[in-house]
Amino acid sequence: MITHVFDTSAILAHYFHEPGAELVNELLADNSAEVGIPAIELLELKRQLNRTLPDATEAQRAFRLYADELIAPIPVTREIVARALLLIERMGDQLSPSEAILAATAQHEGAILVHRTAPLAVLPANVLRQCALPLGR
């Protein structure tokens, strides 16, 4: 069972040792924590690593480490999309479709969303359990 859903921002904070990296590291090392990411977010992770790292081999190695070993991809189902649409309706223009998918995935899994994305922090606690990491970069 997935206990935590990571946003790409949490993974990048961990990789680059930015604010919040310690908490992400604790979750990844905790045998009782099951960490996932919406599968579609893997595209964003790969794009960000390719854009940020000058060495393509290191970007690929880092992507494989997170995508294949540390974090479980979660399929984006119709139910998750329906939840995301409800969140967008509720929050208006405050959430992008990608942010709504993240939040809806965490809701669907009954998990805590771990991120450092300001728009997600506006979601009330009765809508989404979350852990907002310190903003960085």
C-alpha atoms as a PDB file:
ATOM      1  CA  MET A   1       0.000   0.000   0.000  1.00  0.00           C
ATOM      2  CA  ILE A   2       1.341   3.409  -0.993  1.00  0.00           C
ATOM      3  CA  THR A   3       1.797   5.630   2.065  1.00  0.00           C
ATOM      4  CA  HIS A   4       3.388   8.656   0.369  1.00  0.00           C
ATOM      5  CA  VAL A   5       3.052  10.130  -3.106  1.00  0.00           C
ATOM      6  CA  PHE A   6       5.985  12.236  -4.255  1.00  0.00           C
ATOM      7  CA  ASP A   7       5.877  15.212  -6.537  1.00  0.00           C
ATOM      8  CA  THR A   8       8.837  15.650  -8.883  1.00  0.00           C
ATOM      9  CA  SER A   9       9.883  18.607  -6.723  1.00  0.00           C
ATOM     10  CA  ALA A  10      10.437  16.298  -3.740  1.00  0.00           C
ATOM     11  CA  ILE A  11      12.605  13.948  -5.790  1.00  0.00           C
ATOM     12  CA  LEU A  12      14.674  16.823  -7.157  1.00  0.00           C
ATOM     13  CA  ALA A  13      15.124  18.248  -3.643  1.00  0.00           C
ATOM     14  CA  HIS A  14      16.459  14.852  -2.599  1.00  0.00           C
ATOM     15  CA  TYR A  15      18.777  14.423  -5.576  1.00  0.00           C
ATOM     16  CA  PHE A  16      20.233  17.943  -5.332  1.00  0.00           C
ATOM     17  CA  HIS A  17      20.408  17.937  -1.487  1.00  0.00           C
ATOM     18  CA  GLU A  18      18.121  20.947  -1.252  1.00  0.00           C
ATOM     19  CA  PRO A  19      15.823  21.960   1.619  1.00  0.00           C
ATOM     20  CA  GLY A  20      13.583  19.032   2.505  1.00  0.00           C
ATOM     21  CA  ALA A  21      16.039  16.401   1.237  1.00  0.00           C
ATOM     22  CA  GLU A  22      16.476  14.974   4.743  1.00  0.00           C
ATOM     23  CA  LEU A  23      12.763  14.192   5.097  1.00  0.00           C
ATOM     24  CA  VAL A  24      12.634  12.601   1.633  1.00  0.00           C
ATOM     25  CA  ASN A  25      15.684  10.520   2.523  1.00  0.00           C
ATOM     26  CA  GLU A  26      14.026   9.368   5.765  1.00  0.00           C
ATOM     27  CA  LEU A  27      10.904   8.291   3.873  1.00  0.00           C
ATOM     28  CA  LEU A  28      12.919   6.434   1.242  1.00  0.00           C
ATOM     29  CA  ALA A  29      14.902   4.643   3.969  1.00  0.00           C
ATOM     30  CA  ASP A  30      11.827   3.793   6.087  1.00  0.00           C
ATOM     31  CA  ASN A  31      10.838   0.171   5.438  1.00  0.00           C
ATOM     32  CA  SER A  32       7.271   0.889   6.563  1.00  0.00           C
ATOM     33  CA  ALA A  33       6.845   3.696   4.000  1.00  0.00           C
ATOM     34  CA  GLU A  34       5.768   2.837   0.460  1.00  0.00           C
ATOM     35  CA  VAL A  35       6.525   5.694  -1.893  1.00  0.00           C
ATOM     36  CA  GLY A  36       4.838   6.216  -5.242  1.00  0.00           C
ATOM     37  CA  ILE A  37       4.540   8.770  -8.024  1.00  0.00           C
ATOM     38  CA  PRO A  38       1.855   9.144 -10.684  1.00  0.00           C
ATOM     39  CA  ALA A  39       3.360   7.412 -13.720  1.00  0.00           C
ATOM     40  CA  ILE A  40       2.791  10.486 -15.862  1.00  0.00           C
ATOM     41  CA  GLU A  41       5.041  12.493 -13.520  1.00  0.00           C
ATOM     42  CA  LEU A  42       7.973  10.359 -14.641  1.00  0.00           C
ATOM     43  CA  LEU A  43       7.947  12.430 -17.837  1.00  0.00           C
ATOM     44  CA  GLU A  44       8.467  15.589 -15.802  1.00  0.00           C
ATOM     45  CA  LEU A  45      11.194  13.961 -13.727  1.00  0.00           C
ATOM     46  CA  LYS A  46      13.095  12.898 -16.833  1.00  0.00           C
ATOM     47  CA  ARG A  47      12.669  16.335 -18.421  1.00  0.00           C
ATOM     48  CA  GLN A  48      13.899  18.134 -15.304  1.00  0.00           C
ATOM     49  CA  LEU A  49      16.917  15.861 -14.897  1.00  0.00           C
ATOM     50  CA  ASN A  50      17.847  16.247 -18.564  1.00  0.00           C
ATOM     51  CA  ARG A  51      17.469  20.002 -18.338  1.00  0.00           C
ATOM     52  CA  THR A  52      19.397  20.385 -15.077  1.00  0.00           C
ATOM     53  CA  LEU A  53      22.235  17.880 -15.451  1.00  0.00           C
ATOM     54  CA  PRO A  54      24.820  18.551 -18.154  1.00  0.00           C
ATOM     55  CA  ASP A  55      25.883  14.889 -18.264  1.00  0.00           C
ATOM     56  CA  ALA A  56      23.272  12.795 -20.120  1.00  0.00           C
ATOM     57  CA  THR A  57      24.624   9.572 -18.603  1.00  0.00           C
ATOM     58  CA  GLU A  58      24.162  10.929 -15.075  1.00  0.00           C
ATOM     59  CA  ALA A  59      20.666  12.178 -15.931  1.00  0.00           C
ATOM     60  CA  GLN A  60      19.739   8.689 -17.142  1.00  0.00           C
ATOM     61  CA  ARG A  61      21.330   7.032 -14.088  1.00  0.00           C
ATOM     62  CA  ALA A  62      19.442   9.344 -11.706  1.00  0.00           C
ATOM     63  CA  PHE A  63      16.176   8.780 -13.554  1.00  0.00           C
ATOM     64  CA  ARG A  64      16.573   4.987 -13.401  1.00  0.00           C
ATOM     65  CA  LEU A  65      17.470   5.123  -9.704  1.00  0.00           C
ATOM     66  CA  TYR A  66      14.232   6.884  -8.803  1.00  0.00           C
ATOM     67  CA  ALA A  67      11.917   5.466 -11.482  1.00  0.00           C
ATOM     68  CA  ASP A  68      13.029   1.834 -11.252  1.00  0.00           C
ATOM     69  CA  GLU A  69      14.348   1.360  -7.722  1.00  0.00           C
ATOM     70  CA  LEU A  70      13.151   3.897  -5.172  1.00  0.00           C
ATOM     71  CA  ILE A  71       9.648   4.964  -6.190  1.00  0.00           C
ATOM     72  CA  ALA A  72       6.707   2.924  -7.498  1.00  0.00           C
ATOM     73  CA  PRO A  73       4.866   4.316 -10.521  1.00  0.00           C
ATOM     74  CA  ILE A  74       1.120   4.633  -9.947  1.00  0.00           C
ATOM     75  CA  PRO A  75      -1.155   4.312 -13.004  1.00  0.00           C
ATOM     76  CA  VAL A  76      -3.386   7.315 -13.642  1.00  0.00           C
ATOM     77  CA  THR A  77      -6.845   5.772 -13.830  1.00  0.00           C
ATOM     78  CA  ARG A  78     -10.213   7.230 -14.818  1.00  0.00           C
ATOM     79  CA  GLU A  79     -11.071   7.457 -11.129  1.00  0.00           C
ATOM     80  CA  ILE A  80      -7.966   9.550 -10.460  1.00  0.00           C
ATOM     81  CA  VAL A  81      -8.788  11.801 -13.417  1.00  0.00           C
ATOM     82  CA  ALA A  82     -12.348  12.227 -12.101  1.00  0.00           C
ATOM     83  CA  ARG A  83     -10.968  13.202  -8.685  1.00  0.00           C
ATOM     84  CA  ALA A  84      -8.551  15.635 -10.348  1.00  0.00           C
ATOM     85  CA  LEU A  85     -11.412  17.268 -12.246  1.00  0.00           C
ATOM     86  CA  LEU A  86     -13.321  17.732  -8.988  1.00  0.00           C
ATOM     87  CA  LEU A  87     -10.267  19.347  -7.398  1.00  0.00           C
ATOM     88  CA  ILE A  88      -9.879  21.724 -10.336  1.00  0.00           C
ATOM     89  CA  GLU A  89     -13.571  22.637 -10.109  1.00  0.00           C
ATOM     90  CA  ARG A  90     -13.217  23.241  -6.379  1.00  0.00           C
ATOM     91  CA  MET A  91      -9.968  25.229  -6.552  1.00  0.00           C
ATOM     92  CA  GLY A  92     -10.458  27.036  -9.851  1.00  0.00           C
ATOM     93  CA  ASP A  93      -7.299  28.238 -11.533  1.00  0.00           C
ATOM     94  CA  GLN A  94      -5.165  27.594  -8.452  1.00  0.00           C
ATOM     95  CA  LEU A  95      -4.187  24.083  -9.625  1.00  0.00           C
ATOM     96  CA  SER A  96      -2.705  22.977 -12.917  1.00  0.00           C
ATOM     97  CA  PRO A  97      -3.877  19.651 -14.375  1.00  0.00           C
ATOM     98  CA  SER A  98      -0.580  18.061 -13.306  1.00  0.00           C
ATOM     99  CA  GLU A  99      -0.957  19.328  -9.731  1.00  0.00           C
ATOM    100  CA  ALA A 100      -4.558  18.103  -9.646  1.00  0.00           C
ATOM    101  CA  ILE A 101      -3.429  14.636 -10.820  1.00  0.00           C
ATOM    102  CA  LEU A 102      -0.817  14.550  -8.037  1.00  0.00           C
ATOM    103  CA  ALA A 103      -3.335  15.507  -5.383  1.00  0.00           C
ATOM    104  CA  ALA A 104      -5.978  13.136  -6.751  1.00  0.00           C
ATOM    105  CA  THR A 105      -3.478  10.278  -6.813  1.00  0.00           C
ATOM    106  CA  ALA A 106      -2.590  10.860  -3.164  1.00  0.00           C
ATOM    107  CA  GLN A 107      -6.299  11.014  -2.294  1.00  0.00           C
ATOM    108  CA  HIS A 108      -7.011   7.820  -4.199  1.00  0.00           C
ATOM    109  CA  GLU A 109      -4.159   5.993  -2.464  1.00  0.00           C
ATOM    110  CA  GLY A 110      -5.054   7.388   0.964  1.00  0.00           C
ATOM    111  CA  ALA A 111      -1.476   8.640   1.047  1.00  0.00           C
ATOM    112  CA  ILE A 112       0.369  11.781   2.076  1.00  0.00           C
ATOM    113  CA  LEU A 113       1.480  14.014  -0.797  1.00  0.00           C
ATOM    114  CA  VAL A 114       5.108  15.125  -0.363  1.00  0.00           C
ATOM    115  CA  HIS A 115       5.991  18.205  -2.394  1.00  0.00           C
ATOM    116  CA  ARG A 116       7.404  21.697  -2.447  1.00  0.00           C
ATOM    117  CA  THR A 117       4.905  23.212  -4.839  1.00  0.00           C
ATOM    118  CA  ALA A 118       3.163  26.319  -3.514  1.00  0.00           C
ATOM    119  CA  PRO A 119      -0.189  25.822  -5.314  1.00  0.00           C
ATOM    120  CA  LEU A 120      -0.641  22.402  -3.708  1.00  0.00           C
ATOM    121  CA  ALA A 121      -0.200  23.879  -0.241  1.00  0.00           C
ATOM    122  CA  VAL A 122      -3.504  25.762  -0.634  1.00  0.00           C
ATOM    123  CA  LEU A 123      -5.481  22.516  -0.512  1.00  0.00           C
ATOM    124  CA  PRO A 124      -7.156  22.184   2.892  1.00  0.00           C
ATOM    125  CA  ALA A 125      -6.209  19.330   5.213  1.00  0.00           C
ATOM    126  CA  ASN A 126      -9.705  17.818   4.936  1.00  0.00           C
ATOM    127  CA  VAL A 127      -9.138  17.492   1.166  1.00  0.00           C
ATOM    128  CA  LEU A 128      -5.547  16.252   1.126  1.00  0.00           C
ATOM    129  CA  ARG A 129      -3.009  15.034   3.639  1.00  0.00           C
ATOM    130  CA  GLN A 130       0.267  16.597   2.657  1.00  0.00           C
ATOM    131  CA  CYS A 131       3.796  17.384   3.683  1.00  0.00           C
ATOM    132  CA  ALA A 132       5.002  20.606   2.109  1.00  0.00           C
ATOM    133  CA  LEU A 133       8.792  20.719   1.978  1.00  0.00           C
ATOM    134  CA  PRO A 134      10.582  24.066   2.256  1.00  0.00           C
ATOM    135  CA  LEU A 135      10.585  25.913  -1.053  1.00  0.00           C
ATOM    136  CA  GLY A 136      13.969  25.847  -2.715  1.00  0.00           C
ATOM    137  CA  ARG A 137      15.776  26.429  -5.956  1.00  0.00           C
END
